[in-house]
Structures are given as C-alpha cells and as structure tokens.
Amino acid sequence: VVDERKITRIFVPFYIEANILKGLKYTVNFGPDVRLLRRGEFIGRNTTEIAVVFSNALINNEEESGYTLENILNFNRTLGTKHNLGITALQSIQSLRFERHESAVSNLPYESQLFYNIGTASVKGNFTL
C-alpha cells in the first residue's frame, strides 16, 4: 500500500497605510490564499490490508484559491481639550474557489507503476480504496 500526499499552501497577507489628511487614514489589507493538494494511492493485489483481487490506484488533485480584501477609513480628531471623535468605515470582500478531480482504476498491468500511469489499467471508474 502506498499513500502519497503533497500539499502546498501559500498565504501572504499584506497591507498599505496612507495618511490622507490630518486625522484621516486609509488602510487596505489584502490576503491571497492558495492551497494545492496532490494525492496518489496504490493498493497492490497481494496486500494484507484488505482482500483485493486486482491492484487499484487513485489520483486526486485539489485546488483551492481565494482572497480577502479590506478597505478601512479611520477618522480621529480631538475636539477642544476634552473630546475625541473617532469614525471607522470598513468595506470587506472575500472570495473562495475550489476544484477537485479524482480518477480511480483497477487491474493495473504491472504494479511497479503504482499510481503514476493509471491510463494503462483495464478497469476505470470510481472505486473505494
């Protein structure tokens, strides 16, 4: 039995701040997020894990990408000697996209290929591995 998984994730948030006028500050936050998963699974016909007549293989690829974008406007002003006025306006948007592809096969002609050449299998479809 071979179960190989590789996950790559990139998350790089950053922000930019600008003082527009006295007491008025603008901030933009941006956070892209990308996750890639690749999984290959192989179960040979002579395994003791489960009763298998043929060797089985599976390839699973997932991609998840998204971002968060925030626009923030802050106004802070001192009025006289005892009073402060603070106003914050916020606009935020978030996006997420997910894609998945899975291929499973059975009866591979030679087991040394593991899950790297599943196109050579004689039975293609969805199997539980």
N, C-alpha and C. Protein backbone atom coordinates (compact mmCIF):
# COMPACT_ATOMS: atom_id res chain seq x y z
N VAL A 1 0.85 -1.17 0.00
CA VAL A 1 0.00 0.00 0.00
C VAL A 1 0.90 1.24 0.00
N VAL A 2 0.62 2.16 -0.92
CA VAL A 2 1.34 3.43 -0.99
C VAL A 2 0.29 4.54 -0.96
N ASP A 3 0.43 5.48 -0.04
CA ASP A 3 -0.48 6.63 0.05
C ASP A 3 0.40 7.87 0.14
N GLU A 4 0.58 8.54 -0.97
CA GLU A 4 1.47 9.70 -1.04
C GLU A 4 0.64 10.97 -1.17
N ARG A 5 0.91 11.94 -0.30
CA ARG A 5 0.18 13.21 -0.32
C ARG A 5 1.17 14.36 -0.31
N LYS A 6 0.88 15.34 -1.13
CA LYS A 6 1.71 16.54 -1.18
C LYS A 6 0.78 17.75 -1.14
N ILE A 7 0.99 18.62 -0.16
CA ILE A 7 0.17 19.82 -0.01
C ILE A 7 1.08 21.04 -0.06
N THR A 8 0.71 21.99 -0.89
CA THR A 8 1.42 23.26 -0.98
C THR A 8 0.43 24.36 -0.65
N ARG A 9 0.81 25.23 0.28
CA ARG A 9 -0.07 26.34 0.64
C ARG A 9 0.72 27.63 0.66
N ILE A 10 0.14 28.64 0.07
CA ILE A 10 0.75 29.96 0.02
C ILE A 10 -0.26 30.95 0.59
N PHE A 11 0.14 31.63 1.64
CA PHE A 11 -0.71 32.64 2.28
C PHE A 11 0.19 33.83 2.60
N VAL A 12 -0.01 34.94 1.89
CA VAL A 12 0.89 36.09 2.01
C VAL A 12 0.07 37.37 2.19
N PRO A 13 -0.46 37.61 3.38
CA PRO A 13 -1.22 38.85 3.59
C PRO A 13 -0.30 40.06 3.71
N PHE A 14 -0.80 41.19 3.23
CA PHE A 14 -0.04 42.44 3.38
C PHE A 14 -1.02 43.60 3.46
N TYR A 15 -0.51 44.75 3.89
CA TYR A 15 -1.36 45.94 3.99
C TYR A 15 -0.55 47.17 3.60
N ILE A 16 -1.30 48.20 3.20
CA ILE A 16 -0.72 49.50 2.87
C ILE A 16 -1.53 50.55 3.64
N GLU A 17 -0.81 51.48 4.26
CA GLU A 17 -1.45 52.53 5.04
C GLU A 17 -1.04 53.89 4.49
N ALA A 18 -2.00 54.80 4.41
CA ALA A 18 -1.70 56.15 3.91
C ALA A 18 -2.47 57.17 4.75
N ASN A 19 -1.77 58.22 5.15
CA ASN A 19 -2.41 59.35 5.83
C ASN A 19 -2.85 60.33 4.75
N ILE A 20 -4.16 60.45 4.58
CA ILE A 20 -4.71 61.28 3.51
C ILE A 20 -4.74 62.75 3.94
N LEU A 21 -5.35 63.02 5.06
CA LEU A 21 -5.43 64.36 5.64
C LEU A 21 -5.14 64.23 7.13
N LYS A 22 -5.02 65.34 7.80
CA LYS A 22 -4.80 65.31 9.24
C LYS A 22 -5.97 64.58 9.91
N GLY A 23 -5.67 63.46 10.58
CA GLY A 23 -6.70 62.70 11.28
C GLY A 23 -7.41 61.68 10.41
N LEU A 24 -7.14 61.64 9.10
CA LEU A 24 -7.81 60.71 8.19
C LEU A 24 -6.78 59.73 7.63
N LYS A 25 -7.00 58.45 7.93
CA LYS A 25 -6.05 57.42 7.49
C LYS A 25 -6.79 56.35 6.70
N TYR A 26 -6.18 55.91 5.59
CA TYR A 26 -6.74 54.85 4.75
C TYR A 26 -5.82 53.64 4.83
N THR A 27 -6.41 52.45 5.01
CA THR A 27 -5.65 51.19 5.05
C THR A 27 -6.32 50.20 4.12
N VAL A 28 -5.51 49.50 3.35
CA VAL A 28 -6.01 48.40 2.52
C VAL A 28 -5.27 47.13 2.96
N ASN A 29 -6.03 46.09 3.26
CA ASN A 29 -5.48 44.78 3.61
C ASN A 29 -5.83 43.81 2.48
N PHE A 30 -4.85 43.03 2.05
CA PHE A 30 -5.10 42.03 1.02
C PHE A 30 -4.43 40.73 1.44
N GLY A 31 -5.18 39.65 1.37
CA GLY A 31 -4.64 38.36 1.78
C GLY A 31 -4.99 37.26 0.80
N PRO A 32 -4.10 37.00 -0.18
CA PRO A 32 -4.33 35.87 -1.08
C PRO A 32 -4.01 34.55 -0.38
N ASP A 33 -4.75 33.50 -0.73
CA ASP A 33 -4.58 32.20 -0.09
C ASP A 33 -4.76 31.12 -1.16
N VAL A 34 -3.72 30.32 -1.38
CA VAL A 34 -3.75 29.26 -2.39
C VAL A 34 -3.32 27.96 -1.74
N ARG A 35 -4.10 26.89 -1.97
CA ARG A 35 -3.75 25.55 -1.46
C ARG A 35 -3.87 24.54 -2.59
N LEU A 36 -2.82 23.78 -2.79
CA LEU A 36 -2.79 22.74 -3.81
C LEU A 36 -2.54 21.40 -3.12
N LEU A 37 -3.34 20.39 -3.47
CA LEU A 37 -3.16 19.06 -2.91
C LEU A 37 -3.06 18.06 -4.04
N ARG A 38 -2.08 17.18 -3.94
CA ARG A 38 -1.95 16.07 -4.88
C ARG A 38 -1.83 14.80 -4.06
N ARG A 39 -2.69 13.83 -4.35
CA ARG A 39 -2.66 12.57 -3.63
C ARG A 39 -2.63 11.42 -4.62
N GLY A 40 -1.75 10.48 -4.38
CA GLY A 40 -1.70 9.24 -5.15
C GLY A 40 -1.78 8.08 -4.20
N GLU A 41 -2.66 7.12 -4.49
CA GLU A 41 -2.81 5.96 -3.63
C GLU A 41 -2.75 4.71 -4.47
N PHE A 42 -2.05 3.71 -3.97
CA PHE A 42 -1.92 2.44 -4.67
C PHE A 42 -2.11 1.31 -3.67
N ILE A 43 -2.92 0.31 -4.05
CA ILE A 43 -3.10 -0.89 -3.24
C ILE A 43 -2.82 -2.08 -4.15
N GLY A 44 -1.78 -2.83 -3.82
CA GLY A 44 -1.40 -4.00 -4.62
C GLY A 44 -2.31 -5.18 -4.35
N ARG A 45 -2.33 -6.10 -5.29
CA ARG A 45 -3.24 -7.24 -5.16
C ARG A 45 -2.80 -8.22 -4.08
N ASN A 46 -1.57 -8.16 -3.63
CA ASN A 46 -1.08 -9.08 -2.59
C ASN A 46 -1.02 -8.44 -1.21
N THR A 47 -1.70 -7.35 -1.03
CA THR A 47 -1.68 -6.68 0.27
C THR A 47 -2.51 -7.45 1.29
N THR A 48 -2.15 -7.31 2.53
CA THR A 48 -2.92 -7.96 3.60
C THR A 48 -3.91 -6.98 4.24
N GLU A 49 -3.91 -5.72 3.75
CA GLU A 49 -4.80 -4.70 4.32
C GLU A 49 -6.27 -5.04 4.09
N ILE A 50 -6.59 -5.39 2.87
CA ILE A 50 -7.97 -5.75 2.51
C ILE A 50 -7.89 -6.85 1.46
N ALA A 51 -8.97 -7.54 1.25
CA ALA A 51 -9.00 -8.59 0.23
C ALA A 51 -9.16 -7.93 -1.14
N VAL A 52 -8.08 -7.91 -1.91
CA VAL A 52 -8.09 -7.27 -3.22
C VAL A 52 -7.75 -8.32 -4.28
N VAL A 53 -8.56 -8.39 -5.33
CA VAL A 53 -8.31 -9.32 -6.43
C VAL A 53 -7.35 -8.68 -7.43
N PHE A 54 -7.54 -7.39 -7.69
CA PHE A 54 -6.70 -6.66 -8.63
C PHE A 54 -6.00 -5.52 -7.90
N SER A 55 -4.92 -5.02 -8.48
CA SER A 55 -4.29 -3.84 -7.92
C SER A 55 -5.14 -2.62 -8.27
N ASN A 56 -5.23 -1.67 -7.35
CA ASN A 56 -6.04 -0.47 -7.52
C ASN A 56 -5.16 0.77 -7.35
N ALA A 57 -5.52 1.85 -8.05
CA ALA A 57 -4.80 3.11 -7.91
C ALA A 57 -5.78 4.27 -7.99
N LEU A 58 -5.38 5.37 -7.36
CA LEU A 58 -6.22 6.55 -7.31
C LEU A 58 -5.32 7.78 -7.39
N ILE A 59 -5.77 8.78 -8.14
CA ILE A 59 -5.10 10.08 -8.17
C ILE A 59 -6.15 11.14 -7.85
N ASN A 60 -5.81 12.02 -6.94
CA ASN A 60 -6.71 13.08 -6.52
C ASN A 60 -5.95 14.40 -6.56
N ASN A 61 -6.50 15.39 -7.25
CA ASN A 61 -5.92 16.74 -7.32
C ASN A 61 -6.96 17.74 -6.85
N GLU A 62 -6.55 18.63 -5.94
CA GLU A 62 -7.45 19.67 -5.45
C GLU A 62 -6.74 21.02 -5.55
N GLU A 63 -7.52 22.04 -5.89
CA GLU A 63 -7.00 23.41 -5.91
C GLU A 63 -8.02 24.30 -5.22
N GLU A 64 -7.55 25.04 -4.24
CA GLU A 64 -8.40 25.98 -3.51
C GLU A 64 -7.70 27.33 -3.53
N SER A 65 -8.39 28.33 -4.04
CA SER A 65 -7.79 29.66 -4.09
C SER A 65 -8.82 30.69 -3.66
N GLY A 66 -8.32 31.70 -3.00
CA GLY A 66 -9.22 32.74 -2.53
C GLY A 66 -8.44 33.95 -2.06
N TYR A 67 -9.18 34.94 -1.63
CA TYR A 67 -8.55 36.15 -1.12
C TYR A 67 -9.53 36.89 -0.23
N THR A 68 -8.98 37.77 0.59
CA THR A 68 -9.76 38.71 1.38
C THR A 68 -9.21 40.10 1.10
N LEU A 69 -10.10 41.04 0.82
CA LEU A 69 -9.71 42.42 0.56
C LEU A 69 -10.53 43.32 1.48
N GLU A 70 -9.83 44.17 2.22
CA GLU A 70 -10.49 45.08 3.15
C GLU A 70 -10.01 46.51 2.90
N ASN A 71 -10.94 47.42 2.86
CA ASN A 71 -10.66 48.85 2.77
C ASN A 71 -11.16 49.48 4.06
N ILE A 72 -10.25 50.18 4.76
CA ILE A 72 -10.58 50.76 6.06
C ILE A 72 -10.25 52.25 6.03
N LEU A 73 -11.21 53.06 6.44
CA LEU A 73 -11.02 54.50 6.53
C LEU A 73 -11.25 54.90 7.98
N ASN A 74 -10.22 55.49 8.61
CA ASN A 74 -10.29 55.93 10.00
C ASN A 74 -10.19 57.45 10.07
N PHE A 75 -11.08 58.02 10.85
CA PHE A 75 -11.02 59.46 11.12
C PHE A 75 -10.96 59.64 12.62
N ASN A 76 -9.90 60.27 13.11
CA ASN A 76 -9.72 60.56 14.54
C ASN A 76 -9.35 62.02 14.69
N ARG A 77 -10.11 62.72 15.51
CA ARG A 77 -9.85 64.15 15.70
C ARG A 77 -10.14 64.51 17.14
N THR A 78 -9.31 65.35 17.71
CA THR A 78 -9.53 65.88 19.05
C THR A 78 -10.30 67.19 18.92
N LEU A 79 -11.41 67.27 19.65
CA LEU A 79 -12.26 68.46 19.63
C LEU A 79 -12.12 69.17 20.97
N GLY A 80 -11.53 70.31 20.92
CA GLY A 80 -11.31 71.05 22.17
C GLY A 80 -10.24 70.34 22.99
N THR A 81 -10.42 70.39 24.29
CA THR A 81 -9.42 69.77 25.16
C THR A 81 -9.90 68.47 25.80
N LYS A 82 -11.20 68.20 25.75
CA LYS A 82 -11.75 67.04 26.46
C LYS A 82 -12.42 66.01 25.55
N HIS A 83 -12.61 66.30 24.29
CA HIS A 83 -13.41 65.41 23.46
C HIS A 83 -12.60 64.88 22.27
N ASN A 84 -12.84 63.60 21.98
CA ASN A 84 -12.25 62.96 20.80
C ASN A 84 -13.38 62.41 19.93
N LEU A 85 -13.21 62.51 18.65
CA LEU A 85 -14.18 61.97 17.70
C LEU A 85 -13.45 60.92 16.85
N GLY A 86 -13.99 59.70 16.84
CA GLY A 86 -13.41 58.63 16.04
C GLY A 86 -14.47 57.94 15.22
N ILE A 87 -14.23 57.83 13.92
CA ILE A 87 -15.17 57.18 13.00
C ILE A 87 -14.36 56.19 12.15
N THR A 88 -14.90 54.99 12.01
CA THR A 88 -14.26 53.97 11.17
C THR A 88 -15.27 53.45 10.17
N ALA A 89 -14.86 53.41 8.90
CA ALA A 89 -15.67 52.82 7.84
C ALA A 89 -14.89 51.63 7.27
N LEU A 90 -15.58 50.52 7.09
CA LEU A 90 -14.92 49.31 6.63
C LEU A 90 -15.72 48.68 5.48
N GLN A 91 -15.01 48.29 4.46
CA GLN A 91 -15.61 47.54 3.35
C GLN A 91 -14.73 46.30 3.18
N SER A 92 -15.36 45.12 3.12
CA SER A 92 -14.61 43.88 3.02
C SER A 92 -15.26 42.95 2.01
N ILE A 93 -14.43 42.21 1.29
CA ILE A 93 -14.91 41.22 0.34
C ILE A 93 -14.02 39.99 0.44
N GLN A 94 -14.65 38.82 0.30
CA GLN A 94 -13.90 37.57 0.38
C GLN A 94 -14.36 36.67 -0.76
N SER A 95 -13.42 35.96 -1.35
CA SER A 95 -13.72 35.06 -2.45
C SER A 95 -13.03 33.73 -2.21
N LEU A 96 -13.68 32.63 -2.59
CA LEU A 96 -13.10 31.31 -2.46
C LEU A 96 -13.55 30.44 -3.62
N ARG A 97 -12.61 29.72 -4.21
CA ARG A 97 -12.91 28.83 -5.33
C ARG A 97 -12.25 27.48 -5.05
N PHE A 98 -12.99 26.39 -5.28
CA PHE A 98 -12.48 25.05 -5.00
C PHE A 98 -12.73 24.15 -6.21
N GLU A 99 -11.71 23.43 -6.64
CA GLU A 99 -11.83 22.46 -7.72
C GLU A 99 -11.21 21.14 -7.28
N ARG A 100 -11.82 20.04 -7.70
CA ARG A 100 -11.31 18.71 -7.35
C ARG A 100 -11.48 17.77 -8.53
N HIS A 101 -10.46 16.96 -8.76
CA HIS A 101 -10.52 15.93 -9.78
C HIS A 101 -9.97 14.64 -9.19
N GLU A 102 -10.69 13.56 -9.42
CA GLU A 102 -10.26 12.27 -8.89
C GLU A 102 -10.46 11.21 -9.96
N SER A 103 -9.46 10.36 -10.12
CA SER A 103 -9.53 9.23 -11.04
C SER A 103 -9.10 7.98 -10.30
N ALA A 104 -9.88 6.91 -10.45
CA ALA A 104 -9.57 5.64 -9.81
C ALA A 104 -9.62 4.54 -10.85
N VAL A 105 -8.70 3.59 -10.74
CA VAL A 105 -8.62 2.48 -11.70
C VAL A 105 -8.36 1.18 -10.95
N SER A 106 -8.57 0.09 -11.68
CA SER A 106 -8.31 -1.24 -11.13
C SER A 106 -7.68 -2.10 -12.22
N ASN A 107 -6.99 -3.13 -11.80
CA ASN A 107 -6.35 -4.11 -12.69
C ASN A 107 -5.23 -3.47 -13.52
N LEU A 108 -4.24 -2.95 -12.83
CA LEU A 108 -3.06 -2.39 -13.49
C LEU A 108 -2.22 -3.52 -14.08
N PRO A 109 -1.63 -3.34 -15.27
CA PRO A 109 -0.87 -4.42 -15.90
C PRO A 109 0.41 -4.77 -15.14
N TYR A 110 1.04 -3.82 -14.50
CA TYR A 110 2.22 -4.09 -13.68
C TYR A 110 2.20 -3.15 -12.48
N GLU A 111 2.46 -3.71 -11.33
CA GLU A 111 2.28 -2.98 -10.08
C GLU A 111 3.40 -1.98 -9.79
N SER A 112 4.53 -2.11 -10.44
CA SER A 112 5.64 -1.20 -10.16
C SER A 112 5.34 0.24 -10.58
N GLN A 113 4.32 0.43 -11.41
CA GLN A 113 3.97 1.79 -11.82
C GLN A 113 3.21 2.55 -10.74
N LEU A 114 2.76 1.85 -9.71
CA LEU A 114 1.98 2.45 -8.63
C LEU A 114 0.82 3.25 -9.21
N PHE A 115 0.74 4.55 -8.92
CA PHE A 115 -0.36 5.39 -9.42
C PHE A 115 0.10 6.36 -10.48
N TYR A 116 1.32 6.19 -11.00
CA TYR A 116 1.89 7.16 -11.93
C TYR A 116 1.43 6.99 -13.38
N ASN A 117 0.85 5.86 -13.72
CA ASN A 117 0.43 5.62 -15.11
C ASN A 117 -0.91 4.89 -15.12
N ILE A 118 -1.93 5.52 -14.56
CA ILE A 118 -3.21 4.83 -14.38
C ILE A 118 -3.95 4.62 -15.70
N GLY A 119 -3.51 5.27 -16.76
CA GLY A 119 -4.17 5.07 -18.07
C GLY A 119 -4.00 3.68 -18.62
N THR A 120 -3.07 2.90 -18.09
CA THR A 120 -2.85 1.54 -18.59
C THR A 120 -3.76 0.51 -17.93
N ALA A 121 -4.54 0.90 -16.94
CA ALA A 121 -5.42 -0.04 -16.23
C ALA A 121 -6.56 -0.48 -17.14
N SER A 122 -7.04 -1.69 -16.93
CA SER A 122 -8.13 -2.20 -17.76
C SER A 122 -9.51 -1.81 -17.26
N VAL A 123 -9.63 -1.43 -15.99
CA VAL A 123 -10.92 -1.03 -15.44
C VAL A 123 -10.78 0.38 -14.87
N LYS A 124 -11.59 1.29 -15.39
CA LYS A 124 -11.54 2.68 -14.93
C LYS A 124 -12.89 3.06 -14.33
N GLY A 125 -12.87 3.87 -13.29
CA GLY A 125 -14.12 4.28 -12.67
C GLY A 125 -13.86 4.72 -11.25
N ASN A 126 -14.93 4.79 -10.47
CA ASN A 126 -14.81 5.21 -9.07
C ASN A 126 -14.85 3.98 -8.18
N PHE A 127 -13.78 3.78 -7.44
CA PHE A 127 -13.68 2.66 -6.53
C PHE A 127 -13.33 3.20 -5.16
N THR A 128 -13.70 2.47 -4.15
CA THR A 128 -13.32 2.83 -2.80
C THR A 128 -11.99 2.16 -2.50
N LEU A 129 -10.98 2.98 -2.19
CA LEU A 129 -9.66 2.43 -1.89
C LEU A 129 -9.39 2.55 -0.41
